[in-house]
């Protein structure tokens, strides 16, 4: 029986999880911040929110489709009164929690402005999670989205609901 249980544990450990929730809680950071935003929307909360979105309005239906299969959206944002009040090593602390299936998508580096890291949890050709780390001299923000993410559906929301435009229109060369 013991051998059977050990084999089952090894098999389950080898099967990739559908998504990985990252520890985004830094209590000492919250204590030093002048403003803290903490958003925790687990699967149940997302389903509840989706019920309030219209099935007939195209924009709301698109949002409902995007959040429909998600397991959670977690946001932690800390704003500080002065520069240098948080350890920039927190970025590495968050990244150290990511497994080998996490791949970098976007990296923006600046010594004086915003730095952004966007990484996706890739399971074959499927995205099963996103993490966004955005830092400024006086601000540290992390967003973790768990669950299958249809990039095409997400892209269809660009320019709506405060989501930045993801596609740029090409300028006519004759203009």
Protein backbone atom coordinates (compact mmCIF):
# COMPACT_ATOMS: atom_id res chain seq x y z
CA UNK A 1 0.00 0.00 0.00
CA UNK A 2 2.82 2.41 0.89
CA UNK A 3 4.47 1.77 -2.49
CA UNK A 4 1.13 2.51 -4.24
CA UNK A 5 0.70 5.81 -2.37
CA UNK A 6 4.27 6.89 -3.15
CA UNK A 7 3.76 6.06 -6.83
CA UNK A 8 0.52 8.06 -6.89
CA UNK A 9 2.24 11.05 -5.28
CA UNK A 10 5.04 10.92 -7.86
CA UNK A 11 2.54 10.73 -10.73
CA UNK A 12 0.52 13.66 -9.38
CA UNK A 13 3.68 15.69 -8.87
CA UNK A 14 4.68 15.09 -12.49
CA UNK A 15 1.33 16.32 -13.85
CA UNK A 16 1.50 20.08 -14.35
CA UNK A 17 -0.97 22.13 -12.36
CA UNK A 18 -3.47 24.15 -14.35
CA UNK A 19 -2.11 27.38 -12.91
CA UNK A 20 0.17 28.58 -10.19
CA UNK A 21 -0.87 31.16 -7.64
CA UNK A 22 2.10 33.26 -6.68
CA UNK A 23 2.59 34.59 -3.15
CA UNK A 24 2.10 38.33 -3.61
CA UNK A 25 1.74 39.24 0.03
CA UNK A 26 4.49 41.36 1.53
CA UNK A 27 3.19 42.61 4.92
CA UNK A 28 6.29 44.69 5.68
CA UNK A 29 5.83 46.45 2.34
CA UNK A 30 2.21 47.26 3.13
CA UNK A 31 3.27 48.71 6.49
CA UNK A 32 5.66 51.18 4.79
CA UNK A 33 3.35 52.14 1.90
CA UNK A 34 1.21 55.28 1.90
CA UNK A 35 -1.37 53.55 -0.29
CA UNK A 36 -2.09 49.85 -0.77
CA UNK A 37 -4.39 48.25 -3.33
CA UNK A 38 -5.28 44.62 -2.64
CA UNK A 39 -7.57 42.86 -5.13
CA UNK A 40 -8.33 39.18 -4.61
CA UNK A 41 -10.84 37.67 -7.00
CA UNK A 42 -10.94 33.90 -6.76
CA UNK A 43 -12.92 31.72 -9.19
CA UNK A 44 -16.16 32.10 -7.20
CA UNK A 45 -15.89 35.89 -7.14
CA UNK A 46 -15.15 35.98 -10.88
CA UNK A 47 -18.22 33.82 -11.62
CA UNK A 48 -20.34 36.13 -9.47
CA UNK A 49 -19.01 39.22 -11.28
CA UNK A 50 -19.66 37.56 -14.65
CA UNK A 51 -23.34 37.16 -13.76
CA UNK A 52 -23.68 40.94 -13.70
CA UNK A 53 -22.37 41.27 -17.25
CA UNK A 54 -24.88 41.34 -20.07
CA UNK A 55 -25.05 38.47 -22.54
CA UNK A 56 -26.50 40.76 -25.18
CA UNK A 57 -23.95 43.59 -25.03
CA UNK A 58 -20.95 42.56 -27.16
CA UNK A 59 -18.35 44.27 -24.95
CA UNK A 60 -19.69 42.80 -21.72
CA UNK A 61 -20.07 39.38 -23.33
CA UNK A 62 -16.40 39.54 -24.39
CA UNK A 63 -15.32 40.32 -20.83
CA UNK A 64 -17.48 37.48 -19.53
CA UNK A 65 -15.85 35.10 -22.02
CA UNK A 66 -12.35 36.16 -20.98
CA UNK A 67 -12.93 35.77 -17.23
CA UNK A 68 -15.16 32.70 -17.57
CA UNK A 69 -12.44 30.08 -17.17
CA UNK A 70 -10.10 31.98 -14.87
CA UNK A 71 -9.22 30.63 -11.45
CA UNK A 72 -8.31 34.00 -10.00
CA UNK A 73 -7.05 37.53 -10.46
CA UNK A 74 -4.79 38.91 -7.75
CA UNK A 75 -3.42 42.45 -7.63
CA UNK A 76 -1.10 44.02 -5.07
CA UNK A 77 -0.02 47.61 -5.54
CA UNK A 78 2.03 49.67 -3.11
CA UNK A 79 2.69 53.40 -3.38
CA UNK A 80 5.31 55.11 -1.25
CA UNK A 81 5.92 58.68 -0.14
CA UNK A 82 9.57 58.63 -1.21
CA UNK A 83 11.76 56.85 -3.73
CA UNK A 84 13.74 53.85 -2.55
CA UNK A 85 11.30 52.76 0.17
CA UNK A 86 11.03 49.24 -1.23
CA UNK A 87 13.66 46.67 -2.08
CA UNK A 88 14.03 46.26 -5.86
CA UNK A 89 15.03 42.66 -5.09
CA UNK A 90 11.31 41.92 -4.65
CA UNK A 91 11.15 41.43 -8.41
CA UNK A 92 13.60 38.54 -8.13
CA UNK A 93 11.71 37.21 -5.08
CA UNK A 94 8.51 37.01 -7.13
CA UNK A 95 10.28 35.53 -10.17
CA UNK A 96 11.95 32.88 -7.98
CA UNK A 97 8.49 31.41 -7.32
CA UNK A 98 7.91 30.77 -11.01
CA UNK A 99 8.54 27.33 -12.44
CA UNK A 100 10.20 26.34 -15.70
CA UNK A 101 6.98 26.73 -17.70
CA UNK A 102 6.99 30.51 -17.15
CA UNK A 103 8.33 32.41 -20.15
CA UNK A 104 9.08 36.14 -20.43
CA UNK A 105 6.83 38.00 -22.86
CA UNK A 106 7.66 41.67 -22.26
CA UNK A 107 10.50 43.38 -20.42
CA UNK A 108 10.77 47.16 -20.17
CA UNK A 109 13.70 48.64 -18.24
CA UNK A 110 14.29 52.24 -17.26
CA UNK A 111 16.48 53.76 -14.56
CA UNK A 112 14.11 56.67 -13.96
CA UNK A 113 10.66 55.55 -15.16
CA UNK A 114 8.48 52.47 -15.09
CA UNK A 115 9.91 48.96 -15.41
CA UNK A 116 7.61 46.17 -16.55
CA UNK A 117 7.99 42.39 -16.67
CA UNK A 118 5.22 40.26 -18.16
CA UNK A 119 5.59 36.50 -18.00
CA UNK A 120 3.25 33.73 -19.14
CA UNK A 121 2.85 30.23 -17.79
CA UNK A 122 3.02 28.23 -21.04
CA UNK A 123 1.74 24.66 -21.08
CA UNK A 124 2.35 23.57 -24.64
CA UNK A 125 0.62 26.17 -26.79
CA UNK A 126 -1.74 27.24 -23.97
CA UNK A 127 -1.31 30.17 -21.61
CA UNK A 128 -2.41 29.10 -18.13
CA UNK A 129 -1.33 32.17 -16.22
CA UNK A 130 0.12 35.65 -16.48
CA UNK A 131 2.16 37.68 -14.07
CA UNK A 132 2.81 41.37 -14.50
CA UNK A 133 5.36 43.17 -12.35
CA UNK A 134 5.40 46.95 -12.77
CA UNK A 135 7.71 49.17 -10.76
CA UNK A 136 8.38 52.87 -10.56
CA UNK A 137 10.69 54.68 -8.14
CA UNK A 138 7.76 55.11 -5.69
CA UNK A 139 5.44 52.27 -6.73
CA UNK A 140 5.50 48.46 -6.81
CA UNK A 141 2.64 46.53 -8.47
CA UNK A 142 2.11 42.83 -9.14
CA UNK A 143 -0.79 41.27 -11.05
CA UNK A 144 -1.24 37.50 -11.16
CA UNK A 145 -3.92 36.01 -13.42
CA UNK A 146 -4.51 32.28 -12.91
CA UNK A 147 -6.25 30.01 -15.34
CA UNK A 148 -6.46 29.46 -19.06
CA UNK A 149 -6.14 32.70 -20.96
CA UNK A 150 -7.28 32.93 -24.54
CA UNK A 151 -4.92 35.55 -25.96
CA UNK A 152 -7.22 36.17 -28.97
CA UNK A 153 -10.15 36.92 -26.65
CA UNK A 154 -7.96 39.10 -24.47
CA UNK A 155 -6.72 41.00 -27.53
CA UNK A 156 -10.33 41.57 -28.62
CA UNK A 157 -10.81 43.69 -25.49
CA UNK A 158 -7.97 46.06 -26.33
CA UNK A 159 -8.99 49.68 -26.21
CA UNK A 160 -12.02 48.89 -24.02
CA UNK A 161 -12.66 48.99 -20.27
CA UNK A 162 -9.37 50.79 -19.68
CA UNK A 163 -7.36 48.04 -21.40
CA UNK A 164 -4.64 49.61 -23.54
CA UNK A 165 -4.88 49.32 -27.31
CA UNK A 166 -2.82 46.28 -28.31
CA UNK A 167 -2.80 46.82 -32.04
CA UNK A 168 -1.44 49.87 -33.74
CA UNK A 169 -3.01 51.03 -36.93
CA UNK A 170 -0.59 51.36 -39.78
CA UNK A 171 -0.25 54.82 -41.16
CA UNK A 172 -0.87 55.29 -44.82
CA UNK A 173 2.48 56.14 -46.37
CA UNK A 174 0.80 58.66 -48.66
CA UNK A 175 -0.35 60.78 -45.69
